[in-house]
Amino acid sequence: MRHWSGQDAKHERPRRRQDGAEIVKIMWEWALERVTALVRACIELGHHPESWKTAKGVVIPKQGKPDYKQVRAHRVISLLDSSCKLVERAAAHMIADHLERRNKLHDGQYGYRKRRSAVDAVAVLMNRTQQAWQGKKVAGALKVAFNNVSRTVLSRRLGEIGIEPDLVMGRLFHE
């Protein structure tokens, strides 16, 4: 028991506490069924043991701040117990699966969904934009949005970011 409690058997002094993630990993490999049953019981009962709710606050300096003596130059993050994270992640997956099975999420929702990614969202956006360009719906909106922009500056900036200026400029100003 001393090994798990963090006490050194020879010197009776506290040792470095074993990382919670390491303990969860060992338990997962050693007693998968018990860990799964524990997680399910926590979710079904709506109970998290108090020891899992304790977070450790860690102060981290923000990059690029001129004076690290200022409080604003730092941020605090909370490190939760790994067992708590395991239960929370399992609950999140159960909720997401429930909503997916009942079609309760909007088709435009891509974050935190299985088999949907940011790449998929960008592909849909590009496809819809291309369709709008072909239907000439975007050109009118862009004409209004850029009606006070210098054509020379806009053309140069489009070229700098890798967009063919003639393609856009023709749609904006010549139709």
C-alpha atoms as a PDB file:
ATOM      1  CA  MET A   1       0.000   0.000   0.000  1.00  0.00           C
ATOM      2  CA  ARG A   2       2.881   2.353   0.623  1.00  0.00           C
ATOM      3  CA  HIS A   3       3.735   2.308  -3.066  1.00  0.00           C
ATOM      4  CA  TRP A   4       0.301   3.707  -3.965  1.00  0.00           C
ATOM      5  CA  SER A   5       0.175   6.167  -1.074  1.00  0.00           C
ATOM      6  CA  GLY A   6       3.425   7.864  -2.068  1.00  0.00           C
ATOM      7  CA  GLN A   7       5.338   6.873   1.106  1.00  0.00           C
ATOM      8  CA  ASP A   8       8.876   5.552   0.805  1.00  0.00           C
ATOM      9  CA  ALA A   9       9.040   2.244   2.705  1.00  0.00           C
ATOM     10  CA  LYS A  10      12.595   2.809   3.990  1.00  0.00           C
ATOM     11  CA  HIS A  11      12.446   6.440   5.032  1.00  0.00           C
ATOM     12  CA  GLU A  12       8.755   7.090   5.694  1.00  0.00           C
ATOM     13  CA  ARG A  13       8.910  10.351   3.754  1.00  0.00           C
ATOM     14  CA  PRO A  14       6.685  11.346   0.872  1.00  0.00           C
ATOM     15  CA  ARG A  15       7.932  10.450  -2.589  1.00  0.00           C
ATOM     16  CA  ARG A  16       6.990  12.032  -5.886  1.00  0.00           C
ATOM     17  CA  ARG A  17       3.323  11.199  -6.357  1.00  0.00           C
ATOM     18  CA  GLN A  18       2.826   8.979  -9.390  1.00  0.00           C
ATOM     19  CA  ASP A  19       1.202  10.845 -12.266  1.00  0.00           C
ATOM     20  CA  GLY A  20      -2.571  10.313 -12.363  1.00  0.00           C
ATOM     21  CA  ALA A  21      -2.497   9.556 -16.084  1.00  0.00           C
ATOM     22  CA  GLU A  22       0.048   6.793 -15.449  1.00  0.00           C
ATOM     23  CA  ILE A  23      -2.191   5.291 -12.774  1.00  0.00           C
ATOM     24  CA  VAL A  24      -5.247   5.373 -15.037  1.00  0.00           C
ATOM     25  CA  LYS A  25      -3.233   3.724 -17.822  1.00  0.00           C
ATOM     26  CA  ILE A  26      -2.033   0.966 -15.498  1.00  0.00           C
ATOM     27  CA  MET A  27      -5.548   0.436 -14.153  1.00  0.00           C
ATOM     28  CA  TRP A  28      -6.949   0.375 -17.707  1.00  0.00           C
ATOM     29  CA  GLU A  29      -4.540  -2.398 -18.690  1.00  0.00           C
ATOM     30  CA  TRP A  30      -4.925  -4.306 -15.426  1.00  0.00           C
ATOM     31  CA  ALA A  31      -8.684  -4.083 -14.821  1.00  0.00           C
ATOM     32  CA  LEU A  32     -10.486  -2.765 -17.899  1.00  0.00           C
ATOM     33  CA  GLU A  33     -13.876  -4.125 -16.800  1.00  0.00           C
ATOM     34  CA  ARG A  34     -13.611  -2.542 -13.348  1.00  0.00           C
ATOM     35  CA  VAL A  35     -12.582   0.852 -14.702  1.00  0.00           C
ATOM     36  CA  THR A  36     -15.418   0.738 -17.238  1.00  0.00           C
ATOM     37  CA  ALA A  37     -17.910  -0.222 -14.517  1.00  0.00           C
ATOM     38  CA  LEU A  38     -16.641   2.601 -12.293  1.00  0.00           C
ATOM     39  CA  VAL A  39     -16.982   5.182 -15.084  1.00  0.00           C
ATOM     40  CA  ARG A  40     -20.506   3.977 -15.957  1.00  0.00           C
ATOM     41  CA  ALA A  41     -21.542   4.029 -12.293  1.00  0.00           C
ATOM     42  CA  CYS A  42     -20.258   7.601 -11.887  1.00  0.00           C
ATOM     43  CA  ILE A  43     -22.254   8.700 -14.925  1.00  0.00           C
ATOM     44  CA  GLU A  44     -25.442   6.816 -14.016  1.00  0.00           C
ATOM     45  CA  LEU A  45     -25.376   8.054 -10.407  1.00  0.00           C
ATOM     46  CA  GLY A  46     -24.260  11.541 -11.374  1.00  0.00           C
ATOM     47  CA  HIS A  47     -21.502  11.334  -8.787  1.00  0.00           C
ATOM     48  CA  HIS A  48     -17.852  12.358  -8.923  1.00  0.00           C
ATOM     49  CA  PRO A  49     -15.777  11.549  -5.838  1.00  0.00           C
ATOM     50  CA  GLU A  50     -14.623  14.733  -4.095  1.00  0.00           C
ATOM     51  CA  SER A  51     -10.954  13.840  -4.550  1.00  0.00           C
ATOM     52  CA  TRP A  52     -11.457  13.888  -8.338  1.00  0.00           C
ATOM     53  CA  LYS A  53     -12.861  17.415  -8.245  1.00  0.00           C
ATOM     54  CA  THR A  54      -9.699  18.973  -6.860  1.00  0.00           C
ATOM     55  CA  ALA A  55      -7.837  20.957  -9.494  1.00  0.00           C
ATOM     56  CA  LYS A  56      -4.287  22.211  -9.340  1.00  0.00           C
ATOM     57  CA  GLY A  57      -3.819  25.779 -10.583  1.00  0.00           C
ATOM     58  CA  VAL A  58      -0.680  26.382 -12.611  1.00  0.00           C
ATOM     59  CA  VAL A  59       0.484  29.867 -13.595  1.00  0.00           C
ATOM     60  CA  ILE A  60       1.870  30.089 -17.127  1.00  0.00           C
ATOM     61  CA  PRO A  61       3.535  33.179 -18.614  1.00  0.00           C
ATOM     62  CA  LYS A  62       1.957  34.516 -21.812  1.00  0.00           C
ATOM     63  CA  GLN A  63       4.349  34.771 -24.736  1.00  0.00           C
ATOM     64  CA  GLY A  64       5.580  38.113 -25.978  1.00  0.00           C
ATOM     65  CA  LYS A  65       4.693  40.190 -22.918  1.00  0.00           C
ATOM     66  CA  PRO A  66       7.112  43.042 -22.170  1.00  0.00           C
ATOM     67  CA  ASP A  67       6.968  42.846 -18.353  1.00  0.00           C
ATOM     68  CA  TYR A  68       6.500  39.489 -16.636  1.00  0.00           C
ATOM     69  CA  LYS A  69       6.232  41.203 -13.248  1.00  0.00           C
ATOM     70  CA  GLN A  70       2.702  42.212 -14.238  1.00  0.00           C
ATOM     71  CA  VAL A  71      -0.186  39.900 -13.366  1.00  0.00           C
ATOM     72  CA  ARG A  72      -1.641  40.343 -16.868  1.00  0.00           C
ATOM     73  CA  ALA A  73       1.463  38.722 -18.343  1.00  0.00           C
ATOM     74  CA  HIS A  74       0.342  35.340 -16.985  1.00  0.00           C
ATOM     75  CA  ARG A  75      -2.621  33.015 -17.171  1.00  0.00           C
ATOM     76  CA  VAL A  76      -3.794  30.251 -14.883  1.00  0.00           C
ATOM     77  CA  ILE A  77      -4.760  26.808 -16.100  1.00  0.00           C
ATOM     78  CA  SER A  78      -6.491  24.143 -14.020  1.00  0.00           C
ATOM     79  CA  LEU A  79      -5.163  20.611 -14.048  1.00  0.00           C
ATOM     80  CA  LEU A  80      -7.867  18.112 -13.122  1.00  0.00           C
ATOM     81  CA  ASP A  81      -7.437  14.586 -11.844  1.00  0.00           C
ATOM     82  CA  SER A  82      -7.133  12.061 -14.708  1.00  0.00           C
ATOM     83  CA  SER A  83      -9.985   9.947 -13.331  1.00  0.00           C
ATOM     84  CA  CYS A  84     -12.305  12.947 -13.507  1.00  0.00           C
ATOM     85  CA  LYS A  85     -11.236  13.619 -17.102  1.00  0.00           C
ATOM     86  CA  LEU A  86     -11.942   9.994 -17.992  1.00  0.00           C
ATOM     87  CA  VAL A  87     -15.502  10.204 -16.636  1.00  0.00           C
ATOM     88  CA  GLU A  88     -16.123  13.578 -18.286  1.00  0.00           C
ATOM     89  CA  ARG A  89     -14.851  12.328 -21.645  1.00  0.00           C
ATOM     90  CA  ALA A  90     -17.011   9.195 -21.441  1.00  0.00           C
ATOM     91  CA  ALA A  91     -20.065  11.329 -20.595  1.00  0.00           C
ATOM     92  CA  ALA A  92     -19.335  13.668 -23.510  1.00  0.00           C
ATOM     93  CA  HIS A  93     -19.125  10.713 -25.903  1.00  0.00           C
ATOM     94  CA  MET A  94     -22.378   9.275 -24.567  1.00  0.00           C
ATOM     95  CA  ILE A  95     -24.174  12.613 -25.021  1.00  0.00           C
ATOM     96  CA  ALA A  96     -22.759  13.071 -28.539  1.00  0.00           C
ATOM     97  CA  ASP A  97     -23.781   9.521 -29.527  1.00  0.00           C
ATOM     98  CA  HIS A  98     -27.282  10.089 -28.148  1.00  0.00           C
ATOM     99  CA  LEU A  99     -27.685  13.325 -30.127  1.00  0.00           C
ATOM    100  CA  GLU A 100     -26.282  11.741 -33.319  1.00  0.00           C
ATOM    101  CA  ARG A 101     -28.640   8.755 -33.126  1.00  0.00           C
ATOM    102  CA  ARG A 102     -31.646  11.062 -32.759  1.00  0.00           C
ATOM    103  CA  ASN A 103     -30.507  13.567 -35.434  1.00  0.00           C
ATOM    104  CA  LYS A 104     -30.599  16.442 -32.942  1.00  0.00           C
ATOM    105  CA  LEU A 105     -27.498  18.236 -34.268  1.00  0.00           C
ATOM    106  CA  HIS A 106     -27.543  20.786 -37.073  1.00  0.00           C
ATOM    107  CA  ASP A 107     -25.987  19.643 -40.356  1.00  0.00           C
ATOM    108  CA  GLY A 108     -23.646  22.624 -40.153  1.00  0.00           C
ATOM    109  CA  GLN A 109     -22.215  21.403 -36.829  1.00  0.00           C
ATOM    110  CA  TYR A 110     -18.753  19.972 -37.477  1.00  0.00           C
ATOM    111  CA  GLY A 111     -16.959  20.343 -34.158  1.00  0.00           C
ATOM    112  CA  TYR A 112     -16.988  17.408 -31.750  1.00  0.00           C
ATOM    113  CA  ARG A 113     -18.736  15.110 -34.234  1.00  0.00           C
ATOM    114  CA  LYS A 114     -17.525  11.739 -35.429  1.00  0.00           C
ATOM    115  CA  ARG A 115     -16.561  11.487 -39.093  1.00  0.00           C
ATOM    116  CA  ARG A 116     -16.644  15.284 -39.488  1.00  0.00           C
ATOM    117  CA  SER A 117     -13.633  17.545 -39.407  1.00  0.00           C
ATOM    118  CA  ALA A 118     -12.509  21.081 -40.103  1.00  0.00           C
ATOM    119  CA  VAL A 119     -11.392  19.836 -43.540  1.00  0.00           C
ATOM    120  CA  ASP A 120     -14.976  18.751 -44.253  1.00  0.00           C
ATOM    121  CA  ALA A 121     -16.284  22.156 -43.170  1.00  0.00           C
ATOM    122  CA  VAL A 122     -13.815  23.939 -45.478  1.00  0.00           C
ATOM    123  CA  ALA A 123     -14.768  21.632 -48.372  1.00  0.00           C
ATOM    124  CA  VAL A 124     -18.459  22.447 -47.886  1.00  0.00           C
ATOM    125  CA  LEU A 125     -17.677  26.166 -47.681  1.00  0.00           C
ATOM    126  CA  MET A 126     -15.579  26.041 -50.868  1.00  0.00           C
ATOM    127  CA  ASN A 127     -18.283  24.105 -52.698  1.00  0.00           C
ATOM    128  CA  ARG A 128     -21.023  26.532 -51.636  1.00  0.00           C
ATOM    129  CA  THR A 129     -18.839  29.516 -52.522  1.00  0.00           C
ATOM    130  CA  GLN A 130     -18.110  28.074 -55.967  1.00  0.00           C
ATOM    131  CA  GLN A 131     -21.817  27.463 -56.548  1.00  0.00           C
ATOM    132  CA  ALA A 132     -22.597  31.015 -55.440  1.00  0.00           C
ATOM    133  CA  TRP A 133     -19.937  32.420 -57.794  1.00  0.00           C
ATOM    134  CA  GLN A 134     -21.455  30.444 -60.663  1.00  0.00           C
ATOM    135  CA  GLY A 135     -24.903  31.705 -59.725  1.00  0.00           C
ATOM    136  CA  LYS A 136     -23.505  35.274 -59.541  1.00  0.00           C
ATOM    137  CA  LYS A 137     -24.884  35.699 -56.011  1.00  0.00           C
ATOM    138  CA  VAL A 138     -21.498  36.577 -54.490  1.00  0.00           C
ATOM    139  CA  ALA A 139     -20.457  39.198 -57.034  1.00  0.00           C
ATOM    140  CA  GLY A 140     -23.305  41.533 -56.150  1.00  0.00           C
ATOM    141  CA  ALA A 141     -22.590  41.279 -52.436  1.00  0.00           C
ATOM    142  CA  LEU A 142     -18.878  41.860 -53.012  1.00  0.00           C
ATOM    143  CA  LYS A 143     -19.584  44.905 -55.184  1.00  0.00           C
ATOM    144  CA  VAL A 144     -21.463  46.481 -52.290  1.00  0.00           C
ATOM    145  CA  ALA A 145     -18.857  45.407 -49.724  1.00  0.00           C
ATOM    146  CA  PHE A 146     -15.913  46.723 -51.751  1.00  0.00           C
ATOM    147  CA  ASN A 147     -17.510  49.742 -53.414  1.00  0.00           C
ATOM    148  CA  ASN A 148     -15.104  52.201 -51.724  1.00  0.00           C
ATOM    149  CA  VAL A 149     -11.939  50.092 -52.084  1.00  0.00           C
ATOM    150  CA  SER A 150      -9.136  51.140 -54.393  1.00  0.00           C
ATOM    151  CA  ARG A 151      -9.164  48.698 -57.325  1.00  0.00           C
ATOM    152  CA  THR A 152      -5.393  48.941 -57.670  1.00  0.00           C
ATOM    153  CA  VAL A 153      -4.721  48.160 -54.011  1.00  0.00           C
ATOM    154  CA  LEU A 154      -7.268  45.311 -53.987  1.00  0.00           C
ATOM    155  CA  SER A 155      -5.817  43.793 -57.158  1.00  0.00           C
ATOM    156  CA  ARG A 156      -2.264  43.960 -55.780  1.00  0.00           C
ATOM    157  CA  ARG A 157      -3.293  42.465 -52.408  1.00  0.00           C
ATOM    158  CA  LEU A 158      -5.168  39.592 -54.092  1.00  0.00           C
ATOM    159  CA  GLY A 159      -2.040  38.781 -56.071  1.00  0.00           C
ATOM    160  CA  GLU A 160       0.084  38.857 -52.908  1.00  0.00           C
ATOM    161  CA  ILE A 161      -2.082  36.239 -51.206  1.00  0.00           C
ATOM    162  CA  GLY A 162      -2.133  33.984 -54.276  1.00  0.00           C
ATOM    163  CA  ILE A 163      -5.538  34.759 -55.758  1.00  0.00           C
ATOM    164  CA  GLU A 164      -5.708  35.560 -59.461  1.00  0.00           C
ATOM    165  CA  PRO A 165      -6.757  39.255 -59.434  1.00  0.00           C
ATOM    166  CA  ASP A 166      -8.409  39.143 -62.877  1.00  0.00           C
ATOM    167  CA  LEU A 167     -10.801  36.426 -61.731  1.00  0.00           C
ATOM    168  CA  VAL A 168     -12.102  38.456 -58.800  1.00  0.00           C
ATOM    169  CA  MET A 169     -11.746  41.923 -60.254  1.00  0.00           C
ATOM    170  CA  GLY A 170     -13.762  40.989 -63.323  1.00  0.00           C
ATOM    171  CA  ARG A 171     -16.619  39.767 -61.201  1.00  0.00           C
ATOM    172  CA  LEU A 172     -16.492  42.749 -58.865  1.00  0.00           C
ATOM    173  CA  PHE A 173     -16.247  45.640 -61.271  1.00  0.00           C
ATOM    174  CA  HIS A 174     -17.094  44.559 -64.826  1.00  0.00           C
ATOM    175  CA  GLU A 175     -20.447  42.791 -64.577  1.00  0.00           C
END
